[in-house]
Amino acid sequence: MLRAFLVDDEELALERLSRLVLETGRVEIAGASTNPVQGVALIDSLRPDLLFLDIEMPELNGFQMLARLTAEPLVVFTTAYDQYALDAFGVNSIDYLLKPVEAAQLERVLNKIDRLREGLDPRPDLRQLLDRLAQTPYPTRVASRTGEAIEFVDLARITHFFASDKLTYAATPQKSYPVEHTIQELEQKLDPRKWVRVHRSALVNTAFVQELHPWFAGRAIVRLRDEHRTEITVARDRLKTLRERLAI
């Protein structure tokens, strides 16, 4: 029986996937984690055969987490972005599950895993995939200048960018950092699959979106998953794009 490890920063998604995996009767769950940093150490220690791995996670995304592993399990990504998965993995590469995961999807993936283990299909090369992803033109951090000092802030830590008093700031759970780019420039530079401009003064990291509420005049309120439960207005003409990025 396959030994699997599951990683997803959303507790409910992890519970759903765990239940579906156990119901197949084909996989034993060796461990699970909602924290990708802690997950790296656990995976390297437990050496599972199979890893179910979320892509969009704060602090470390799925690809960054893989790059830190010394273990090389078979990997099945979980994602809400169909085109994202297809573009990243290519045809006949690593398989993936679309959220919300369904039993039929999972059976299809497990059947493919069986073929890989029996040598009927070629085993995907994780390192080759990571090398290809490393060539992406999108940045992974942003510079913040204070006086003569420059500090680099990982984009995975940033919940949103906002403009205030003619300056732009990168907001993290700890503090906000001034950056030299405008919101419009950041919108053009950053990965559009992860960042959405919700109005003229704010750009949101979709990995931190906790709730979306309708508001008057066709607008909405997005609440972020941070210590302050930050609320940001979504302009009417930006709402459709945000909903598409959130797969709703």
Protein backbone atom coordinates (compact mmCIF):
# COMPACT_ATOMS: atom_id res chain seq x y z
CA MET A 1 0.00 0.00 0.00
CA LEU A 2 1.23 3.50 -0.83
CA ARG A 3 2.38 5.71 2.05
CA ALA A 4 1.33 9.31 1.46
CA PHE A 5 1.97 12.70 3.04
CA LEU A 6 -0.53 15.55 2.59
CA VAL A 7 0.23 19.29 2.67
CA ASP A 8 -2.37 22.06 2.43
CA ASP A 9 -2.46 25.30 4.41
CA GLU A 10 -6.28 25.17 4.52
CA GLU A 11 -7.44 22.86 7.32
CA LEU A 12 -10.80 22.04 5.71
CA ALA A 13 -9.19 21.17 2.37
CA LEU A 14 -6.69 18.93 4.16
CA GLU A 15 -9.45 17.15 6.07
CA ARG A 16 -11.45 16.58 2.87
CA LEU A 17 -8.47 15.20 0.98
CA SER A 18 -7.49 12.95 3.92
CA ARG A 19 -10.98 11.48 4.02
CA LEU A 20 -11.08 10.84 0.28
CA VAL A 21 -7.63 9.26 0.30
CA LEU A 22 -8.52 6.89 3.14
CA GLU A 23 -11.82 5.95 1.49
CA THR A 24 -9.95 4.57 -1.54
CA GLY A 25 -8.45 1.81 0.62
CA ARG A 26 -5.33 2.09 -1.54
CA VAL A 27 -3.27 4.59 0.44
CA GLU A 28 -1.98 4.85 3.99
CA ILE A 29 -1.53 8.38 5.32
CA ALA A 30 1.93 8.64 6.87
CA GLY A 31 1.43 12.25 7.90
CA ALA A 32 -0.09 15.62 7.07
CA SER A 33 0.68 19.29 7.67
CA THR A 34 -0.86 22.73 7.18
CA ASN A 35 2.58 24.34 7.57
CA PRO A 36 4.83 23.96 4.49
CA VAL A 37 8.02 24.81 6.39
CA GLN A 38 7.39 22.13 9.01
CA GLY A 39 6.21 19.80 6.26
CA VAL A 40 9.66 19.76 4.64
CA ALA A 41 11.28 18.27 7.74
CA LEU A 42 8.49 15.73 8.24
CA ILE A 43 8.62 14.54 4.63
CA ASP A 44 12.38 14.15 4.69
CA SER A 45 12.06 12.16 7.92
CA LEU A 46 9.11 9.94 6.95
CA ARG A 47 10.14 9.38 3.29
CA PRO A 48 6.61 8.77 1.93
CA ASP A 49 6.02 7.19 -1.48
CA LEU A 50 3.56 9.86 -2.49
CA LEU A 51 3.07 13.55 -1.71
CA PHE A 52 -0.20 15.44 -2.17
CA LEU A 53 0.92 19.06 -2.26
CA ASP A 54 -1.01 22.33 -2.43
CA ILE A 55 0.49 24.95 -4.76
CA GLU A 56 -0.83 28.23 -3.39
CA MET A 57 0.42 28.61 0.19
CA PRO A 58 1.82 31.61 2.07
CA GLU A 59 5.48 31.62 3.18
CA LEU A 60 6.38 28.68 0.89
CA ASN A 61 4.39 27.67 -2.17
CA GLY A 62 4.35 24.09 -3.38
CA PHE A 63 7.20 24.55 -5.85
CA GLN A 64 9.43 26.28 -3.30
CA MET A 65 8.70 23.52 -0.80
CA LEU A 66 9.70 20.85 -3.31
CA ALA A 67 12.99 22.60 -3.97
CA ARG A 68 13.90 22.18 -0.28
CA LEU A 69 13.20 18.46 -0.08
CA THR A 70 15.94 15.85 -0.09
CA ALA A 71 13.31 13.09 -0.43
CA GLU A 72 11.87 12.57 -3.92
CA PRO A 73 8.36 11.12 -3.58
CA LEU A 74 5.90 10.95 -6.42
CA VAL A 75 4.05 14.26 -6.32
CA VAL A 76 0.43 15.10 -6.99
CA PHE A 77 -0.29 18.83 -6.84
CA THR A 78 -3.64 20.20 -5.70
CA THR A 79 -4.75 23.49 -7.22
CA ALA A 80 -7.79 25.61 -7.96
CA TYR A 81 -6.23 26.77 -11.22
CA ASP A 82 -6.72 24.43 -14.15
CA GLN A 83 -4.69 26.43 -16.68
CA TYR A 84 -1.99 27.05 -14.10
CA ALA A 85 -1.55 23.33 -13.63
CA LEU A 86 -1.48 22.59 -17.33
CA ASP A 87 1.06 25.32 -18.05
CA ALA A 88 3.35 24.36 -15.17
CA PHE A 89 3.38 20.60 -15.53
CA GLY A 90 3.01 20.03 -19.26
CA VAL A 91 1.33 17.02 -20.82
CA ASN A 92 2.27 13.61 -19.36
CA SER A 93 4.30 15.20 -16.59
CA ILE A 94 3.30 15.40 -12.93
CA ASP A 95 -0.38 14.87 -12.28
CA TYR A 96 -2.65 17.20 -10.34
CA LEU A 97 -6.04 17.41 -8.64
CA LEU A 98 -8.38 20.35 -9.08
CA LYS A 99 -10.00 21.74 -5.95
CA PRO A 100 -12.46 20.85 -4.60
CA VAL A 101 -11.06 17.35 -5.02
CA GLU A 102 -13.55 14.66 -6.08
CA ALA A 103 -13.30 10.88 -5.62
CA ALA A 104 -13.26 10.23 -9.39
CA GLN A 105 -10.27 12.57 -9.84
CA LEU A 106 -8.41 10.83 -7.06
CA GLU A 107 -9.01 7.35 -8.52
CA ARG A 108 -7.69 8.55 -11.89
CA VAL A 109 -4.51 9.85 -10.27
CA LEU A 110 -3.98 6.69 -8.22
CA ASN A 111 -4.37 4.57 -11.34
CA LYS A 112 -1.64 6.64 -12.97
CA ILE A 113 0.56 6.19 -9.88
CA ASP A 114 0.09 2.42 -10.17
CA ARG A 115 1.25 2.52 -13.79
CA LEU A 116 4.31 4.56 -12.80
CA ARG A 117 5.26 2.12 -10.04
CA GLU A 118 4.85 -0.84 -12.39
CA GLY A 119 7.10 0.81 -14.96
CA LEU A 120 4.32 1.13 -17.53
CA ASP A 121 4.63 4.93 -17.61
CA PRO A 122 7.86 6.95 -17.27
CA ARG A 123 8.42 8.50 -13.85
CA PRO A 124 8.33 12.32 -14.07
CA ASP A 125 11.57 14.17 -13.36
CA LEU A 126 10.93 16.56 -10.47
CA ARG A 127 14.26 18.32 -10.80
CA GLN A 128 13.65 19.03 -14.47
CA LEU A 129 10.28 20.56 -13.61
CA LEU A 130 11.79 22.72 -10.88
CA ASP A 131 14.56 23.88 -13.23
CA ARG A 132 11.92 24.89 -15.78
CA LEU A 133 9.86 26.73 -13.18
CA ALA A 134 12.96 28.53 -11.91
CA GLN A 135 13.23 30.22 -15.30
CA THR A 136 9.92 32.05 -14.81
CA PRO A 137 10.21 35.80 -15.46
CA TYR A 138 8.14 36.66 -12.40
CA PRO A 139 10.04 37.92 -9.31
CA THR A 140 9.89 36.11 -5.96
CA ARG A 141 10.72 39.13 -3.77
CA VAL A 142 10.53 42.90 -3.78
CA ALA A 143 13.02 45.53 -2.60
CA SER A 144 12.24 48.01 0.16
CA ARG A 145 14.57 50.97 0.68
CA THR A 146 14.93 52.77 4.02
CA GLY A 147 17.58 55.47 3.82
CA GLU A 148 20.66 53.82 2.31
CA ALA A 149 19.62 50.30 3.34
CA ILE A 150 17.73 47.93 1.04
CA GLU A 151 15.74 45.02 2.46
CA PHE A 152 14.33 42.25 0.27
CA VAL A 153 10.88 40.95 1.18
CA ASP A 154 9.63 37.57 -0.08
CA LEU A 155 6.42 37.98 -2.07
CA ALA A 156 5.00 34.86 -0.40
CA ARG A 157 4.95 36.81 2.90
CA ILE A 158 3.11 39.82 1.46
CA THR A 159 -0.66 39.83 1.94
CA HIS A 160 -1.25 42.88 -0.27
CA PHE A 161 0.23 46.06 -1.69
CA PHE A 162 -1.50 49.36 -1.04
CA ALA A 163 -1.00 53.00 -1.98
CA SER A 164 -1.22 55.75 0.63
CA ASP A 165 -0.08 59.41 0.56
CA LYS A 166 1.60 58.95 -2.84
CA LEU A 167 3.66 56.00 -1.56
CA THR A 168 3.27 52.25 -2.09
CA TYR A 169 3.61 49.69 0.70
CA ALA A 170 3.98 45.93 0.86
CA ALA A 171 1.95 44.62 3.79
CA THR A 172 3.10 41.52 5.71
CA PRO A 173 1.72 40.08 8.97
CA GLN A 174 4.61 41.77 10.81
CA LYS A 175 4.87 45.22 9.21
CA SER A 176 4.44 47.24 6.03
CA TYR A 177 7.44 48.00 3.82
CA PRO A 178 7.71 51.00 1.49
CA VAL A 179 8.48 50.01 -2.11
CA GLU A 180 9.40 52.16 -5.09
CA HIS A 181 6.97 50.66 -7.61
CA THR A 182 3.45 51.96 -8.18
CA ILE A 183 0.46 49.64 -7.91
CA GLN A 184 0.16 49.72 -11.70
CA GLU A 185 3.82 48.75 -12.15
CA LEU A 186 3.49 45.91 -9.65
CA GLU A 187 0.40 44.63 -11.43
CA GLN A 188 2.46 44.35 -14.62
CA LYS A 189 5.51 42.78 -12.96
CA LEU A 190 3.92 40.15 -10.69
CA ASP A 191 2.43 36.77 -11.55
CA PRO A 192 -1.22 37.45 -12.52
CA ARG A 193 -2.19 33.98 -11.31
CA LYS A 194 -1.31 35.01 -7.75
CA TRP A 195 -1.87 38.77 -7.64
CA VAL A 196 -5.07 40.65 -8.43
CA ARG A 197 -5.56 44.39 -8.49
CA VAL A 198 -8.86 44.85 -6.69
CA HIS A 199 -9.01 48.64 -7.12
CA ARG A 200 -6.69 51.43 -8.21
CA SER A 201 -4.85 51.51 -4.84
CA ALA A 202 -4.60 47.84 -3.84
CA LEU A 203 -3.11 44.61 -5.20
CA VAL A 204 -4.03 41.42 -3.30
CA ASN A 205 -2.18 38.13 -2.84
CA THR A 206 -4.94 35.58 -3.51
CA ALA A 207 -3.25 33.04 -1.22
CA PHE A 208 -4.29 35.23 1.73
CA VAL A 209 -7.93 35.77 0.72
CA GLN A 210 -10.13 34.38 3.49
CA GLU A 211 -13.61 35.72 2.64
CA LEU A 212 -15.42 37.60 -0.11
CA HIS A 213 -18.61 39.52 0.70
CA PRO A 214 -20.97 41.38 -1.68
CA TRP A 215 -21.32 45.10 -1.08
CA PHE A 216 -23.45 47.85 -2.58
CA ALA A 217 -23.22 49.23 -6.13
CA GLY A 218 -21.84 45.95 -7.50
CA ARG A 219 -18.72 46.10 -5.36
CA ALA A 220 -17.44 43.59 -2.79
CA ILE A 221 -15.33 43.37 0.35
CA VAL A 222 -12.43 40.96 0.52
CA ARG A 223 -11.20 39.90 3.97
CA LEU A 224 -7.61 38.68 4.23
CA ARG A 225 -6.23 35.86 6.31
CA ASP A 226 -3.93 37.95 8.48
CA GLU A 227 -3.77 39.01 12.12
CA HIS A 228 -5.86 42.12 11.52
CA ARG A 229 -8.43 40.42 9.25
CA THR A 230 -7.78 43.26 6.83
CA GLU A 231 -10.77 44.29 4.70
CA ILE A 232 -10.28 45.77 1.23
CA THR A 233 -12.91 47.08 -1.16
CA VAL A 234 -13.14 45.35 -4.53
CA ALA A 235 -14.14 47.66 -7.37
CA ARG A 236 -17.07 46.56 -9.53
CA ASP A 237 -14.91 46.26 -12.66
CA ARG A 238 -12.33 44.15 -10.78
CA LEU A 239 -14.71 41.69 -9.14
CA LYS A 240 -15.01 39.32 -12.11
CA THR A 241 -11.22 38.91 -12.36
CA LEU A 242 -10.89 38.27 -8.64
CA ARG A 243 -13.62 35.64 -8.71
CA GLU A 244 -11.89 33.91 -11.63
CA ARG A 245 -8.56 33.84 -9.75
CA LEU A 246 -10.33 32.41 -6.71
CA ALA A 247 -12.08 29.81 -8.93
CA ILE A 248 -15.58 30.86 -7.86
